[in-house]
C-alpha cells in the first residue's frame, strides 16, 4: 500500500513530522525535513496510545 503522508492541521511550520496511517496494519512516521532518512513504523494501537498520551499531557 502506498503511504498517504500528511501533517497535522495545527502545523504552522515545516518543523514537524508526517504520518501515514492509511494502512490498517502499520503507522509510519517521518521527519518533514529529512524525508529521505527513513521512517519509524509502529502498530496502530501503539500510535493511538501515543496520541492519547500527548493529548492528556497538554492539559
Protein backbone atom coordinates (compact mmCIF):
# COMPACT_ATOMS: atom_id res chain seq x y z
CA UNK A 1 0.00 0.00 0.00
CA UNK A 2 1.32 3.43 -0.91
CA UNK A 3 1.67 5.67 2.18
CA UNK A 4 -0.65 8.67 2.31
CA UNK A 5 1.64 11.14 4.11
CA UNK A 6 0.08 14.06 5.98
CA UNK A 7 0.99 16.64 8.61
CA UNK A 8 -1.13 17.97 11.42
CA UNK A 9 -3.61 20.71 10.57
CA UNK A 10 -2.16 22.56 13.58
CA UNK A 11 1.29 22.74 11.98
CA UNK A 12 2.30 26.25 11.00
CA UNK A 13 5.89 25.44 10.02
CA UNK A 14 7.77 22.60 8.39
CA UNK A 15 9.34 21.65 11.75
CA UNK A 16 7.21 18.61 12.37
CA UNK A 17 6.60 15.02 11.42
CA UNK A 18 4.48 13.44 8.74
CA UNK A 19 2.26 10.46 9.45
CA UNK A 20 0.90 7.83 7.08
CA UNK A 21 -1.90 5.89 8.76
CA UNK A 22 -3.87 4.64 5.78
CA UNK A 23 -2.57 1.06 6.19
CA UNK A 24 -4.58 -0.80 8.87
CA UNK A 25 -1.51 -2.83 9.94
CA UNK A 26 1.09 -0.09 10.46
CA UNK A 27 1.54 3.64 11.06
CA UNK A 28 4.60 5.30 9.53
CA UNK A 29 6.21 8.47 10.92
CA UNK A 30 8.98 10.56 9.33
CA UNK A 31 10.65 13.94 9.73
CA UNK A 32 9.46 16.59 7.28
CA UNK A 33 12.98 18.00 6.97
CA UNK A 34 14.67 14.63 6.42
CA UNK A 35 12.21 12.52 4.47
CA UNK A 36 14.97 10.51 2.83
CA UNK A 37 16.49 9.45 6.14
CA UNK A 38 13.89 6.81 6.79
CA UNK A 39 10.84 6.40 8.95
CA UNK A 40 9.57 4.72 12.07
CA UNK A 41 6.87 2.10 11.77
CA UNK A 42 4.61 1.26 14.71
CA UNK A 43 1.44 -0.71 15.24
CA UNK A 44 -1.79 1.33 15.11
CA UNK A 45 -2.51 0.60 18.79
CA UNK A 46 0.89 2.00 19.75
CA UNK A 47 0.27 5.16 17.71
CA UNK A 48 -3.18 5.63 19.24
CA UNK A 49 -1.73 5.27 22.76
CA UNK A 50 0.97 7.85 21.94
CA UNK A 51 -1.55 10.36 20.56
CA UNK A 52 -3.87 9.92 23.55
CA UNK A 53 -0.98 10.36 25.99
CA UNK A 54 0.12 13.52 24.18
CA UNK A 55 -3.40 14.96 24.34
CA UNK A 56 -3.58 14.31 28.09
CA UNK A 57 -0.14 15.85 28.67
CA UNK A 58 -1.23 19.13 27.08
CA UNK A 59 -3.86 19.80 29.76
